[in-house]
């Protein structure tokens, strides 16, 4: 990281000698440099995830509440390492035609999870406010947590998605089929009561 810092300082020196920079521009550059240095410090929460032991799949499945937004848990699965998915529905056998919410929890601990959670953190930190004909996506703060919220209408079927990082470790993705984003915000509030 030091060579990058030195290169940035050199670039600053060269540009300031060729062209007079305003005080405001210098302050912005210094703030960005401080952010860069702070985000790469070994003591940051992202770096601490590397040395944290990930939970076992059974421990992750135990994080799924028995009921979410008034819907009972119908099934669980583990499609990838350090990842569990729970499906919530009023239907006893949820499928592509039924209303349901899926909750995906990825443990950000260890080398595998660290990179994923770090990328999600960067994505959620960006300002997003996109709108199309049948879809939209935006980042916002909800109950003190930064989230990415999406909705899409495909062939008259409502899809919604909500992503966030819980306790600086777990990447949570809530996906609604035939539910709008308001139902997912309710589910997020319910999931917030779950002890991780």
C-alpha atoms as a PDB file:
ATOM      1  CA  UNK A   1       0.000   0.000   0.000  1.00  0.00           C
ATOM      2  CA  UNK A   2       2.995   2.315   0.595  1.00  0.00           C
ATOM      3  CA  UNK A   3       4.009   2.387  -3.119  1.00  0.00           C
ATOM      4  CA  UNK A   4       0.455   3.383  -4.034  1.00  0.00           C
ATOM      5  CA  UNK A   5       0.532   6.131  -1.429  1.00  0.00           C
ATOM      6  CA  UNK A   6       3.909   7.394  -2.689  1.00  0.00           C
ATOM      7  CA  UNK A   7       2.689   7.364  -6.294  1.00  0.00           C
ATOM      8  CA  UNK A   8      -0.368   9.371  -5.320  1.00  0.00           C
ATOM      9  CA  UNK A   9       1.810  11.878  -3.435  1.00  0.00           C
ATOM     10  CA  UNK A  10       4.126  12.187  -6.471  1.00  0.00           C
ATOM     11  CA  UNK A  11       1.148  12.791  -8.766  1.00  0.00           C
ATOM     12  CA  UNK A  12      -0.116  15.443  -6.393  1.00  0.00           C
ATOM     13  CA  UNK A  13       3.303  17.122  -6.343  1.00  0.00           C
ATOM     14  CA  UNK A  14       3.634  17.132 -10.151  1.00  0.00           C
ATOM     15  CA  UNK A  15       0.132  18.448 -10.755  1.00  0.00           C
ATOM     16  CA  UNK A  16       0.457  21.148  -8.129  1.00  0.00           C
ATOM     17  CA  UNK A  17       3.755  22.389  -9.597  1.00  0.00           C
ATOM     18  CA  UNK A  18       2.262  22.553 -13.112  1.00  0.00           C
ATOM     19  CA  UNK A  19      -1.042  24.066 -12.127  1.00  0.00           C
ATOM     20  CA  UNK A  20      -2.117  25.972  -9.072  1.00  0.00           C
ATOM     21  CA  UNK A  21      -4.722  23.921  -7.152  1.00  0.00           C
ATOM     22  CA  UNK A  22      -7.416  25.496  -5.102  1.00  0.00           C
ATOM     23  CA  UNK A  23      -7.576  24.911  -1.352  1.00  0.00           C
ATOM     24  CA  UNK A  24     -10.900  23.139  -1.776  1.00  0.00           C
ATOM     25  CA  UNK A  25      -9.429  20.606  -4.221  1.00  0.00           C
ATOM     26  CA  UNK A  26      -6.525  19.940  -1.863  1.00  0.00           C
ATOM     27  CA  UNK A  27      -8.905  19.314   1.020  1.00  0.00           C
ATOM     28  CA  UNK A  28     -10.923  16.846  -1.054  1.00  0.00           C
ATOM     29  CA  UNK A  29      -7.736  15.005  -2.045  1.00  0.00           C
ATOM     30  CA  UNK A  30      -6.558  14.832   1.568  1.00  0.00           C
ATOM     31  CA  UNK A  31      -9.944  13.490   2.675  1.00  0.00           C
ATOM     32  CA  UNK A  32      -9.816  10.793  -0.021  1.00  0.00           C
ATOM     33  CA  UNK A  33      -6.274   9.851   1.027  1.00  0.00           C
ATOM     34  CA  UNK A  34      -7.379   9.583   4.658  1.00  0.00           C
ATOM     35  CA  UNK A  35     -10.295   7.354   3.615  1.00  0.00           C
ATOM     36  CA  UNK A  36      -7.934   5.154   1.586  1.00  0.00           C
ATOM     37  CA  UNK A  37      -5.466   4.817   4.450  1.00  0.00           C
ATOM     38  CA  UNK A  38      -8.188   4.083   7.011  1.00  0.00           C
ATOM     39  CA  UNK A  39      -9.919   1.489   4.830  1.00  0.00           C
ATOM     40  CA  UNK A  40      -6.694  -0.487   4.374  1.00  0.00           C
ATOM     41  CA  UNK A  41      -5.537  -0.514   7.986  1.00  0.00           C
ATOM     42  CA  UNK A  42      -5.135  -3.994   9.442  1.00  0.00           C
ATOM     43  CA  UNK A  43      -7.413  -3.044  12.326  1.00  0.00           C
ATOM     44  CA  UNK A  44     -10.432  -2.285  10.128  1.00  0.00           C
ATOM     45  CA  UNK A  45     -13.477  -4.532  10.476  1.00  0.00           C
ATOM     46  CA  UNK A  46     -13.018  -5.982   6.989  1.00  0.00           C
ATOM     47  CA  UNK A  47      -9.437  -7.061   7.708  1.00  0.00           C
ATOM     48  CA  UNK A  48     -10.499  -8.596  11.024  1.00  0.00           C
ATOM     49  CA  UNK A  49     -12.891 -10.885   9.145  1.00  0.00           C
ATOM     50  CA  UNK A  50      -9.960 -12.710   7.531  1.00  0.00           C
ATOM     51  CA  UNK A  51      -8.785 -14.107  10.868  1.00  0.00           C
ATOM     52  CA  UNK A  52     -12.295 -14.877  12.153  1.00  0.00           C
ATOM     53  CA  UNK A  53     -13.384 -18.521  12.097  1.00  0.00           C
ATOM     54  CA  UNK A  54     -16.512 -19.011   9.929  1.00  0.00           C
ATOM     55  CA  UNK A  55     -19.595 -20.660  11.381  1.00  0.00           C
ATOM     56  CA  UNK A  56     -20.510 -24.228  10.490  1.00  0.00           C
ATOM     57  CA  UNK A  57     -23.542 -24.710   8.212  1.00  0.00           C
ATOM     58  CA  UNK A  58     -25.706 -25.944  11.120  1.00  0.00           C
ATOM     59  CA  UNK A  59     -24.803 -22.818  13.093  1.00  0.00           C
ATOM     60  CA  UNK A  60     -25.750 -20.634  10.116  1.00  0.00           C
ATOM     61  CA  UNK A  61     -29.059 -22.481   9.656  1.00  0.00           C
ATOM     62  CA  UNK A  62     -29.829 -21.783  13.317  1.00  0.00           C
ATOM     63  CA  UNK A  63     -29.713 -18.049  12.463  1.00  0.00           C
ATOM     64  CA  UNK A  64     -32.805 -18.410  10.274  1.00  0.00           C
ATOM     65  CA  UNK A  65     -35.908 -17.460  12.289  1.00  0.00           C
ATOM     66  CA  UNK A  66     -38.845 -19.896  12.340  1.00  0.00           C
ATOM     67  CA  UNK A  67     -41.126 -17.121  11.051  1.00  0.00           C
ATOM     68  CA  UNK A  68     -40.444 -13.969   9.039  1.00  0.00           C
ATOM     69  CA  UNK A  69     -42.921 -11.189   8.138  1.00  0.00           C
ATOM     70  CA  UNK A  70     -45.781 -13.494   9.105  1.00  0.00           C
ATOM     71  CA  UNK A  71     -44.511 -16.337   6.898  1.00  0.00           C
ATOM     72  CA  UNK A  72     -43.312 -19.684   8.315  1.00  0.00           C
ATOM     73  CA  UNK A  73     -39.940 -21.196   7.360  1.00  0.00           C
ATOM     74  CA  UNK A  74     -40.616 -23.964   4.825  1.00  0.00           C
ATOM     75  CA  UNK A  75     -37.178 -25.146   3.722  1.00  0.00           C
ATOM     76  CA  UNK A  76     -33.441 -24.600   4.140  1.00  0.00           C
ATOM     77  CA  UNK A  77     -30.488 -25.298   1.887  1.00  0.00           C
ATOM     78  CA  UNK A  78     -26.753 -24.667   1.679  1.00  0.00           C
ATOM     79  CA  UNK A  79     -25.868 -24.021  -1.990  1.00  0.00           C
ATOM     80  CA  UNK A  80     -22.316 -22.767  -1.366  1.00  0.00           C
ATOM     81  CA  UNK A  81     -19.659 -22.701   1.367  1.00  0.00           C
ATOM     82  CA  UNK A  82     -20.532 -20.513   4.353  1.00  0.00           C
ATOM     83  CA  UNK A  83     -24.005 -19.887   2.887  1.00  0.00           C
ATOM     84  CA  UNK A  84     -27.532 -20.885   3.866  1.00  0.00           C
ATOM     85  CA  UNK A  85     -30.881 -20.117   2.273  1.00  0.00           C
ATOM     86  CA  UNK A  86     -34.254 -20.246   3.979  1.00  0.00           C
ATOM     87  CA  UNK A  87     -37.581 -20.065   2.133  1.00  0.00           C
ATOM     88  CA  UNK A  88     -40.606 -18.527   3.842  1.00  0.00           C
ATOM     89  CA  UNK A  89     -44.119 -18.939   2.472  1.00  0.00           C
ATOM     90  CA  UNK A  90     -47.747 -19.495   3.430  1.00  0.00           C
ATOM     91  CA  UNK A  91     -47.722 -22.322   0.877  1.00  0.00           C
ATOM     92  CA  UNK A  92     -46.635 -25.678   2.297  1.00  0.00           C
ATOM     93  CA  UNK A  93     -44.702 -26.360  -0.915  1.00  0.00           C
ATOM     94  CA  UNK A  94     -43.319 -23.036  -2.223  1.00  0.00           C
ATOM     95  CA  UNK A  95     -42.537 -22.882  -5.931  1.00  0.00           C
ATOM     96  CA  UNK A  96     -42.252 -20.341  -8.754  1.00  0.00           C
ATOM     97  CA  UNK A  97     -46.008 -19.698  -8.691  1.00  0.00           C
ATOM     98  CA  UNK A  98     -46.388 -19.021  -4.964  1.00  0.00           C
ATOM     99  CA  UNK A  99     -45.687 -15.941  -2.885  1.00  0.00           C
ATOM    100  CA  UNK A 100     -42.468 -16.433  -0.959  1.00  0.00           C
ATOM    101  CA  UNK A 101     -39.452 -14.754   0.570  1.00  0.00           C
ATOM    102  CA  UNK A 102     -36.000 -16.305   0.533  1.00  0.00           C
ATOM    103  CA  UNK A 103     -33.307 -15.290   2.974  1.00  0.00           C
ATOM    104  CA  UNK A 104     -29.690 -15.922   2.029  1.00  0.00           C
ATOM    105  CA  UNK A 105     -27.043 -15.547   4.728  1.00  0.00           C
ATOM    106  CA  UNK A 106     -23.371 -15.616   3.776  1.00  0.00           C
ATOM    107  CA  UNK A 107     -20.844 -15.639   6.621  1.00  0.00           C
ATOM    108  CA  UNK A 108     -18.128 -13.099   5.805  1.00  0.00           C
ATOM    109  CA  UNK A 109     -15.516 -14.710   8.053  1.00  0.00           C
ATOM    110  CA  UNK A 110     -12.293 -16.248   6.756  1.00  0.00           C
ATOM    111  CA  UNK A 111     -10.652 -15.797   3.366  1.00  0.00           C
ATOM    112  CA  UNK A 112     -13.710 -16.987   1.427  1.00  0.00           C
ATOM    113  CA  UNK A 113     -16.229 -14.713   3.095  1.00  0.00           C
ATOM    114  CA  UNK A 114     -13.995 -11.669   3.519  1.00  0.00           C
ATOM    115  CA  UNK A 115     -13.669 -10.910  -0.199  1.00  0.00           C
ATOM    116  CA  UNK A 116     -17.380 -11.311  -0.758  1.00  0.00           C
ATOM    117  CA  UNK A 117     -18.472  -9.091   2.143  1.00  0.00           C
ATOM    118  CA  UNK A 118     -15.860  -6.474   1.235  1.00  0.00           C
ATOM    119  CA  UNK A 119     -17.228  -6.285  -2.339  1.00  0.00           C
ATOM    120  CA  UNK A 120     -20.822  -6.037  -1.067  1.00  0.00           C
ATOM    121  CA  UNK A 121     -19.794  -3.300   1.370  1.00  0.00           C
ATOM    122  CA  UNK A 122     -18.328  -1.270  -1.507  1.00  0.00           C
ATOM    123  CA  UNK A 123     -21.432  -1.832  -3.646  1.00  0.00           C
ATOM    124  CA  UNK A 124     -23.839  -0.768  -0.891  1.00  0.00           C
ATOM    125  CA  UNK A 125     -21.689   2.257  -0.024  1.00  0.00           C
ATOM    126  CA  UNK A 126     -22.181   3.724  -3.504  1.00  0.00           C
ATOM    127  CA  UNK A 127     -25.090   6.035  -4.247  1.00  0.00           C
ATOM    128  CA  UNK A 128     -27.546   4.162  -6.465  1.00  0.00           C
ATOM    129  CA  UNK A 129     -30.830   5.567  -7.734  1.00  0.00           C
ATOM    130  CA  UNK A 130     -31.773   3.907 -11.028  1.00  0.00           C
ATOM    131  CA  UNK A 131     -35.214   3.652 -12.560  1.00  0.00           C
ATOM    132  CA  UNK A 132     -36.335   1.783 -15.652  1.00  0.00           C
ATOM    133  CA  UNK A 133     -39.723   1.058 -17.194  1.00  0.00           C
ATOM    134  CA  UNK A 134     -40.433  -1.997 -15.044  1.00  0.00           C
ATOM    135  CA  UNK A 135     -37.702  -1.822 -12.416  1.00  0.00           C
ATOM    136  CA  UNK A 136     -35.786   0.380 -10.007  1.00  0.00           C
ATOM    137  CA  UNK A 137     -32.851   0.122  -7.617  1.00  0.00           C
ATOM    138  CA  UNK A 138     -31.607   2.441  -4.902  1.00  0.00           C
ATOM    139  CA  UNK A 139     -29.354   2.526  -1.879  1.00  0.00           C
ATOM    140  CA  UNK A 140     -30.673   4.049   1.313  1.00  0.00           C
ATOM    141  CA  UNK A 141     -30.395   3.955   5.079  1.00  0.00           C
ATOM    142  CA  UNK A 142     -33.030   1.885   6.885  1.00  0.00           C
ATOM    143  CA  UNK A 143     -33.078   1.732  10.673  1.00  0.00           C
ATOM    144  CA  UNK A 144     -29.437   2.807  10.785  1.00  0.00           C
ATOM    145  CA  UNK A 145     -28.267   0.218   8.235  1.00  0.00           C
ATOM    146  CA  UNK A 146     -27.180   0.889   4.639  1.00  0.00           C
ATOM    147  CA  UNK A 147     -29.219  -1.237   2.206  1.00  0.00           C
ATOM    148  CA  UNK A 148     -29.599  -1.840  -1.516  1.00  0.00           C
ATOM    149  CA  UNK A 149     -33.261  -2.185  -2.475  1.00  0.00           C
ATOM    150  CA  UNK A 150     -34.581  -3.350  -5.871  1.00  0.00           C
ATOM    151  CA  UNK A 151     -37.948  -4.053  -7.476  1.00  0.00           C
ATOM    152  CA  UNK A 152     -38.804  -5.509 -10.863  1.00  0.00           C
ATOM    153  CA  UNK A 153     -42.023  -6.458 -12.625  1.00  0.00           C
ATOM    154  CA  UNK A 154     -41.651  -9.356 -15.067  1.00  0.00           C
ATOM    155  CA  UNK A 155     -44.735 -10.658 -16.900  1.00  0.00           C
ATOM    156  CA  UNK A 156     -46.982  -9.210 -14.178  1.00  0.00           C
ATOM    157  CA  UNK A 157     -44.987 -10.956 -11.439  1.00  0.00           C
ATOM    158  CA  UNK A 158     -43.492  -8.730  -8.738  1.00  0.00           C
ATOM    159  CA  UNK A 159     -39.888  -9.440  -7.708  1.00  0.00           C
ATOM    160  CA  UNK A 160     -38.013  -7.551  -5.015  1.00  0.00           C
ATOM    161  CA  UNK A 161     -34.585  -7.772  -3.409  1.00  0.00           C
ATOM    162  CA  UNK A 162     -32.948  -6.224  -0.364  1.00  0.00           C
ATOM    163  CA  UNK A 163     -29.236  -6.588   0.493  1.00  0.00           C
ATOM    164  CA  UNK A 164     -27.265  -5.435   3.513  1.00  0.00           C
ATOM    165  CA  UNK A 165     -24.449  -6.382   5.868  1.00  0.00           C
ATOM    166  CA  UNK A 166     -25.449  -7.408   9.381  1.00  0.00           C
ATOM    167  CA  UNK A 167     -23.076  -6.933  12.302  1.00  0.00           C
ATOM    168  CA  UNK A 168     -20.168  -6.122   9.953  1.00  0.00           C
ATOM    169  CA  UNK A 169     -19.974  -9.809   9.058  1.00  0.00           C
ATOM    170  CA  UNK A 170     -23.041 -11.387   7.435  1.00  0.00           C
ATOM    171  CA  UNK A 171     -24.223 -10.551   3.919  1.00  0.00           C
ATOM    172  CA  UNK A 172     -27.998 -10.834   4.022  1.00  0.00           C
ATOM    173  CA  UNK A 173     -30.068 -11.021   0.828  1.00  0.00           C
ATOM    174  CA  UNK A 174     -33.852 -11.034   1.059  1.00  0.00           C
ATOM    175  CA  UNK A 175     -35.633 -11.913  -2.183  1.00  0.00           C
ATOM    176  CA  UNK A 176     -39.377 -11.586  -2.611  1.00  0.00           C
ATOM    177  CA  UNK A 177     -41.412 -13.353  -5.254  1.00  0.00           C
ATOM    178  CA  UNK A 178     -44.837 -11.771  -5.702  1.00  0.00           C
ATOM    179  CA  UNK A 179     -43.980  -9.381  -2.842  1.00  0.00           C
ATOM    180  CA  UNK A 180     -42.961  -5.739  -3.080  1.00  0.00           C
ATOM    181  CA  UNK A 181     -40.068  -4.084  -1.269  1.00  0.00           C
ATOM    182  CA  UNK A 182     -42.296  -2.986   1.643  1.00  0.00           C
ATOM    183  CA  UNK A 183     -42.749  -6.639   2.611  1.00  0.00           C
ATOM    184  CA  UNK A 184     -38.963  -7.112   2.478  1.00  0.00           C
ATOM    185  CA  UNK A 185     -38.408  -4.073   4.705  1.00  0.00           C
ATOM    186  CA  UNK A 186     -40.794  -5.682   7.211  1.00  0.00           C
ATOM    187  CA  UNK A 187     -38.855  -8.953   6.908  1.00  0.00           C
ATOM    188  CA  UNK A 188     -35.576  -7.081   7.476  1.00  0.00           C
ATOM    189  CA  UNK A 189     -37.024  -5.531  10.633  1.00  0.00           C
ATOM    190  CA  UNK A 190     -38.042  -9.002  11.848  1.00  0.00           C
ATOM    191  CA  UNK A 191     -34.611 -10.398  10.995  1.00  0.00           C
ATOM    192  CA  UNK A 192     -33.037  -7.530  12.930  1.00  0.00           C
ATOM    193  CA  UNK A 193     -34.573  -8.988  16.093  1.00  0.00           C
ATOM    194  CA  UNK A 194     -32.760 -12.285  15.494  1.00  0.00           C
ATOM    195  CA  UNK A 195     -29.638 -12.730  17.600  1.00  0.00           C
ATOM    196  CA  UNK A 196     -26.630 -13.305  15.388  1.00  0.00           C
END
